[in-house]
Amino acid sequence: MQFWRRIWSPKSNCNSPEDAAHMGGIFVCTSKRFPTDAAAIYAVIAGAVRYSAQPEQLHIHASLNMEVEKMSKRTLMSLAALPAFFLCNAHADGFYGSIKLQEARQDLSSALLTSPRVDHRVISPDASKETTGAIALGYAFDGGWRLETEYNIKTDAEFKSYWSPFDANVNNMQVSSKRLMLNGYKNFALTDALSLYAMAGIGVAHINSQGYQTEPGRRFANNSQNNFAYSLGVGADVKLNDRITVGAGYRYVDMGDITTGYNTFANRINARDEQLKGKLKEQNLFLEARFSF
């Protein structure tokens, strides 16, 4: 007593070795001759098989007329399993698109007013917060690895500082930034649906910096620059189905040193020698949805 179970065949109606002899396929044969956990696996190739009802009388004749009746069960299983192994492992998970809704908290560290007439900073700038977003196109590989290109839409921030001995003068630095990043992720599965991940990214931040002193008419000229940026983060994903994954995460982003142009207004000595400077950093808390293609 035996039966054949189809693993793969090029036509859906190929359900027996006789059919496979004409159209090709891979079948599993289980019989009383072999224990269930050691079922013989045979590769059935179109035009290369002569089949008889008894498994011990199965003959496979290749184009070189090689006789394989005396091959061990282990050899037969290995030969038949190789195509299935490569079919199962030669693919990746594929392309996906991603959208993020995020809170961007930007900080200006090492804030500086480059004026020879000030002594020290009296009040440092506060952090600036804004709700913003990002979109990405990526590719998911086997083993939980992902690689994506991400665009972060423009974020606006203002940083106010005060300097002695002109304590009444507010220096307002106005910054607009956007980023194009290449991000890498590694997911660590906890269950079939839930996973944690770590990420890192590098890219370019395009930043415009300008500002004013005390009143909007006393301007610092705009300065546009492209800075190297990097990011580090962690997060969690929940897979809703084969196509949709949602998650939440945190990341830190360093966008480097920024500076405004020089003052366009006349200061006390009628010189154009003042600028606002600092180091721009950002922290994100975000919600994400990914859609596999």
Protein backbone atom coordinates (compact mmCIF):
# COMPACT_ATOMS: atom_id res chain seq x y z
CA MET A 1 0.00 0.00 0.00
CA GLN A 2 1.47 3.34 -1.00
CA PHE A 3 0.51 6.84 -1.98
CA TRP A 4 2.20 9.78 -3.67
CA ARG A 5 1.98 13.38 -2.44
CA ARG A 6 2.78 16.18 -4.85
CA ILE A 7 5.45 18.68 -3.68
CA TRP A 8 5.73 20.51 -6.96
CA SER A 9 4.67 20.05 -10.55
CA PRO A 10 4.41 22.51 -13.45
CA LYS A 11 0.69 21.75 -13.87
CA SER A 12 -1.87 21.73 -11.09
CA ASN A 13 -3.49 18.52 -12.39
CA CYS A 14 -0.25 16.54 -12.16
CA ASN A 15 -0.99 14.27 -9.19
CA SER A 16 0.81 11.04 -9.98
CA PRO A 17 4.22 9.82 -11.13
CA GLU A 18 2.69 8.68 -14.41
CA ASP A 19 1.64 12.28 -15.14
CA ALA A 20 5.01 13.55 -13.94
CA ALA A 21 6.78 11.30 -16.39
CA HIS A 22 5.36 13.48 -19.15
CA MET A 23 5.45 16.92 -17.56
CA GLY A 24 7.99 16.86 -14.73
CA GLY A 25 7.66 17.24 -11.01
CA ILE A 26 8.88 16.33 -7.55
CA PHE A 27 6.94 13.79 -5.49
CA VAL A 28 7.17 12.14 -2.07
CA CYS A 29 6.51 8.40 -1.94
CA THR A 30 5.50 6.79 1.36
CA SER A 31 5.05 3.02 1.51
CA LYS A 32 5.11 0.15 3.96
CA ARG A 33 8.61 -0.56 2.85
CA PHE A 34 9.94 2.64 4.47
CA PRO A 35 9.04 4.14 7.87
CA THR A 36 6.98 7.33 7.65
CA ASP A 37 9.85 9.44 8.98
CA ALA A 38 12.19 8.08 6.33
CA ALA A 39 9.96 8.22 3.23
CA ALA A 40 11.78 7.84 -0.05
CA ILE A 41 11.94 11.09 -2.04
CA TYR A 42 12.30 10.83 -5.78
CA ALA A 43 12.89 13.48 -8.42
CA VAL A 44 10.64 12.78 -11.39
CA ILE A 45 11.88 14.45 -14.55
CA ALA A 46 9.95 14.71 -17.82
CA GLY A 47 10.93 12.08 -20.33
CA ALA A 48 13.36 10.33 -17.98
CA VAL A 49 11.19 7.97 -15.93
CA ARG A 50 9.84 4.44 -16.29
CA TYR A 51 7.45 3.70 -13.41
CA SER A 52 6.15 0.39 -11.99
CA ALA A 53 3.55 -0.19 -9.24
CA GLN A 54 6.06 -1.46 -6.68
CA PRO A 55 8.44 1.17 -5.22
CA GLU A 56 11.28 -1.33 -5.09
CA GLN A 57 10.92 -1.71 -8.87
CA LEU A 58 11.08 2.04 -9.59
CA HIS A 59 13.61 2.70 -12.33
CA ILE A 60 14.98 6.10 -13.27
CA HIS A 61 16.74 6.23 -16.62
CA ALA A 62 18.61 9.46 -17.33
CA SER A 63 19.78 10.46 -20.79
CA LEU A 64 23.08 8.65 -20.13
CA ASN A 65 21.11 5.43 -19.35
CA MET A 66 22.58 5.38 -15.86
CA GLU A 67 21.09 2.63 -13.73
CA VAL A 68 20.27 3.91 -10.25
CA GLU A 69 18.41 0.96 -8.74
CA LYS A 70 21.30 0.27 -6.36
CA MET A 71 21.59 3.84 -5.08
CA SER A 72 21.05 4.14 -1.36
CA LYS A 73 17.97 5.80 0.04
CA ARG A 74 20.17 8.57 1.43
CA THR A 75 21.60 9.37 -2.00
CA LEU A 76 18.15 9.42 -3.59
CA MET A 77 16.80 11.68 -0.87
CA SER A 78 19.76 14.06 -1.23
CA LEU A 79 19.43 14.32 -5.01
CA ALA A 80 15.70 14.95 -4.83
CA ALA A 81 15.95 17.41 -1.94
CA LEU A 82 18.53 19.67 -3.61
CA PRO A 83 16.14 21.29 -6.12
CA ALA A 84 13.54 21.85 -3.42
CA PHE A 85 16.19 23.36 -1.14
CA PHE A 86 17.30 25.89 -3.73
CA LEU A 87 13.73 26.72 -4.74
CA CYS A 88 12.93 27.48 -1.11
CA ASN A 89 16.05 29.51 -0.35
CA ALA A 90 16.83 31.38 -3.57
CA HIS A 91 14.29 34.13 -2.93
CA ALA A 92 14.06 37.18 -0.66
CA ASP A 93 11.00 38.70 0.94
CA GLY A 94 10.78 41.50 -1.62
CA PHE A 95 10.06 45.19 -1.97
CA TYR A 96 8.03 47.30 0.43
CA GLY A 97 6.90 50.88 0.93
CA SER A 98 6.83 52.65 4.29
CA ILE A 99 5.25 55.76 5.78
CA LYS A 100 6.12 57.25 9.18
CA LEU A 101 4.33 59.76 11.36
CA GLN A 102 6.89 61.15 13.78
CA GLU A 103 7.55 63.75 16.41
CA ALA A 104 10.80 65.55 15.62
CA ARG A 105 12.50 67.11 18.65
CA GLN A 106 15.44 69.19 17.42
CA ASP A 107 18.19 70.58 19.63
CA LEU A 108 20.91 73.12 18.88
CA SER A 109 23.91 72.21 21.00
CA SER A 110 27.05 74.33 21.29
CA ALA A 111 25.05 77.41 20.26
CA LEU A 112 27.31 80.33 19.38
CA LEU A 113 27.02 84.00 18.42
CA THR A 114 30.23 84.89 16.63
CA SER A 115 30.58 88.46 17.77
CA PRO A 116 33.78 89.79 19.34
CA ARG A 117 31.64 92.07 21.51
CA VAL A 118 29.83 89.39 23.53
CA ASP A 119 31.21 87.72 26.64
CA HIS A 120 29.19 84.55 27.13
CA ARG A 121 25.81 82.95 26.53
CA VAL A 122 23.25 83.90 29.17
CA ILE A 123 20.34 81.70 28.02
CA SER A 124 20.74 78.64 25.81
CA PRO A 125 18.19 77.69 23.14
CA ASP A 126 15.27 75.46 24.05
CA ALA A 127 14.47 72.36 22.03
CA SER A 128 12.01 72.71 19.17
CA LYS A 129 9.27 70.14 18.50
CA GLU A 130 7.27 69.50 15.36
CA THR A 131 5.11 66.69 13.99
CA THR A 132 6.42 65.56 10.64
CA GLY A 133 6.74 62.46 8.49
CA ALA A 134 8.87 60.27 6.26
CA ILE A 135 8.40 57.92 3.31
CA ALA A 136 10.66 55.05 2.27
CA LEU A 137 11.14 52.38 -0.37
CA GLY A 138 12.99 49.27 0.74
CA TYR A 139 13.82 45.61 0.22
CA ALA A 140 13.42 42.89 2.82
CA PHE A 141 15.91 40.01 2.73
CA ASP A 142 15.81 36.60 4.34
CA GLY A 143 17.05 36.47 7.92
CA GLY A 144 15.29 39.62 9.12
CA TRP A 145 17.49 42.11 7.23
CA ARG A 146 16.06 45.17 5.48
CA LEU A 147 17.60 47.98 3.44
CA GLU A 148 15.73 51.14 2.47
CA THR A 149 16.03 54.64 1.06
CA GLU A 150 14.10 57.14 3.17
CA TYR A 151 13.09 60.75 2.62
CA ASN A 152 12.24 62.87 5.68
CA ILE A 153 10.05 65.83 4.82
CA LYS A 154 11.02 69.34 5.86
CA THR A 155 11.17 70.20 9.55
CA ASP A 156 11.22 73.82 10.77
CA ALA A 157 12.72 74.90 14.08
CA GLU A 158 13.62 78.09 15.95
CA PHE A 159 16.36 78.45 18.56
CA LYS A 160 16.52 81.57 20.75
CA SER A 161 19.62 82.52 22.72
CA TYR A 162 20.73 85.54 24.78
CA TRP A 163 24.28 86.85 25.19
CA SER A 164 26.02 89.13 27.66
CA PRO A 165 26.45 92.07 27.87
CA PHE A 166 23.46 92.54 25.50
CA ASP A 167 21.07 90.49 27.62
CA ALA A 168 17.96 92.12 26.18
CA ASN A 169 18.82 91.13 22.62
CA VAL A 170 17.31 87.83 21.51
CA ASN A 171 19.15 86.01 18.75
CA ASN A 172 16.65 83.83 16.90
CA MET A 173 18.10 81.13 14.64
CA GLN A 174 15.56 79.74 12.14
CA VAL A 175 16.39 76.32 10.70
CA SER A 176 14.72 74.21 7.99
CA SER A 177 16.03 70.71 7.41
CA LYS A 178 15.21 67.64 5.34
CA ARG A 179 17.09 64.37 4.86
CA LEU A 180 17.69 61.59 2.37
CA MET A 181 18.92 58.49 4.20
CA LEU A 182 20.03 54.93 3.49
CA ASN A 183 18.84 52.81 6.43
CA GLY A 184 19.67 49.24 7.42
CA TYR A 185 17.51 47.17 9.80
CA LYS A 186 17.85 43.85 11.58
CA ASN A 187 14.68 42.29 12.97
CA PHE A 188 14.72 39.77 15.84
CA ALA A 189 11.57 37.66 15.86
CA LEU A 190 9.88 37.03 19.22
CA THR A 191 6.81 35.32 17.75
CA ASP A 192 5.47 34.76 14.23
CA ALA A 193 3.90 38.25 14.36
CA LEU A 194 6.02 40.27 16.83
CA SER A 195 9.65 41.32 16.38
CA LEU A 196 12.13 43.86 17.73
CA TYR A 197 14.69 45.61 15.55
CA ALA A 198 17.81 47.75 15.60
CA MET A 199 18.64 50.19 12.82
CA ALA A 200 21.36 52.51 11.58
CA GLY A 201 21.42 54.98 8.73
CA ILE A 202 23.66 57.37 6.84
CA GLY A 203 22.78 60.09 4.38
CA VAL A 204 22.62 63.77 3.52
CA ALA A 205 20.79 66.54 5.39
CA HIS A 206 19.90 69.67 3.41
CA ILE A 207 19.71 72.60 5.85
CA ASN A 208 18.80 76.27 5.49
CA SER A 209 19.77 78.53 8.40
CA GLN A 210 18.92 82.18 8.87
CA GLY A 211 17.57 84.37 11.67
CA TYR A 212 17.29 87.77 13.25
CA GLN A 213 18.46 89.78 16.25
CA THR A 214 15.87 91.37 18.50
CA GLU A 215 13.44 92.20 15.67
CA PRO A 216 12.71 90.53 12.29
CA GLY A 217 14.19 93.47 10.33
CA ARG A 218 17.68 92.81 11.74
CA ARG A 219 18.45 89.73 9.70
CA PHE A 220 21.14 87.12 9.57
CA ALA A 221 21.44 86.07 5.93
CA ASN A 222 20.30 82.62 4.84
CA ASN A 223 22.95 79.93 4.49
CA SER A 224 22.20 76.69 2.64
CA GLN A 225 24.37 73.62 3.25
CA ASN A 226 24.42 69.85 2.74
CA ASN A 227 25.72 67.93 5.74
CA PHE A 228 26.56 64.31 6.39
CA ALA A 229 23.92 62.80 8.70
CA TYR A 230 23.71 59.54 10.59
CA SER A 231 21.04 57.88 12.71
CA LEU A 232 20.68 55.06 15.25
CA GLY A 233 17.44 53.58 16.49
CA VAL A 234 15.36 50.74 17.90
CA GLY A 235 11.77 49.68 17.45
CA ALA A 236 9.10 46.97 17.44
CA ASP A 237 7.03 45.54 14.57
CA VAL A 238 3.71 43.68 14.47
CA LYS A 239 2.93 41.75 11.28
CA LEU A 240 -0.81 42.02 10.61
CA ASN A 241 -0.74 39.80 7.51
CA ASP A 242 1.58 38.89 4.64
CA ARG A 243 1.44 42.42 3.22
CA ILE A 244 0.97 44.85 6.11
CA THR A 245 3.25 45.47 9.10
CA VAL A 246 2.86 48.24 11.69
CA GLY A 247 5.34 49.38 14.29
CA ALA A 248 6.73 52.05 16.57
CA GLY A 249 10.25 53.20 17.28
CA TYR A 250 12.80 55.73 18.46
CA ARG A 251 15.87 57.11 16.69
CA TYR A 252 18.60 59.65 17.22
CA VAL A 253 19.84 61.73 14.27
CA ASP A 254 22.99 63.87 14.08
CA MET A 255 23.02 66.42 11.24
CA GLY A 256 26.29 68.15 12.03
CA ASP A 257 27.36 71.78 12.41
CA ILE A 258 25.17 74.54 10.98
CA THR A 259 25.58 78.29 10.59
CA THR A 260 23.63 81.28 9.32
CA GLY A 261 25.02 83.85 6.94
CA TYR A 262 26.48 87.07 8.32
CA ASN A 263 24.37 89.87 9.75
CA THR A 264 22.78 92.11 7.12
CA PHE A 265 22.09 94.86 9.66
CA ALA A 266 24.53 97.48 10.93
CA ASN A 267 25.80 96.61 14.39
CA ARG A 268 27.53 99.03 16.78
CA ILE A 269 30.68 99.24 14.71
CA ASN A 270 28.85 98.90 11.37
CA ALA A 271 30.55 95.53 10.67
CA ARG A 272 29.29 92.35 9.03
CA ASP A 273 31.00 89.99 11.46
CA GLU A 274 28.19 88.19 13.32
CA GLN A 275 26.76 84.73 12.71
CA LEU A 276 24.67 82.21 14.63
CA LYS A 277 26.09 78.68 14.83
CA GLY A 278 25.48 75.34 16.50
CA LYS A 279 25.24 71.57 16.12
CA LEU A 280 21.85 70.25 14.96
CA LYS A 281 20.52 67.03 16.49
CA GLU A 282 17.13 65.38 16.30
CA GLN A 283 15.22 62.71 18.21
CA ASN A 284 12.24 60.93 16.68
CA LEU A 285 9.38 58.99 18.20
CA PHE A 286 7.44 57.49 15.32
CA LEU A 287 4.63 55.22 14.19
CA GLU A 288 5.18 53.29 10.96
CA ALA A 289 3.15 51.28 8.45
CA ARG A 290 4.86 49.09 5.83
CA PHE A 291 3.25 47.57 2.76
CA SER A 292 4.88 44.67 0.90
CA PHE A 293 4.54 44.62 -2.89
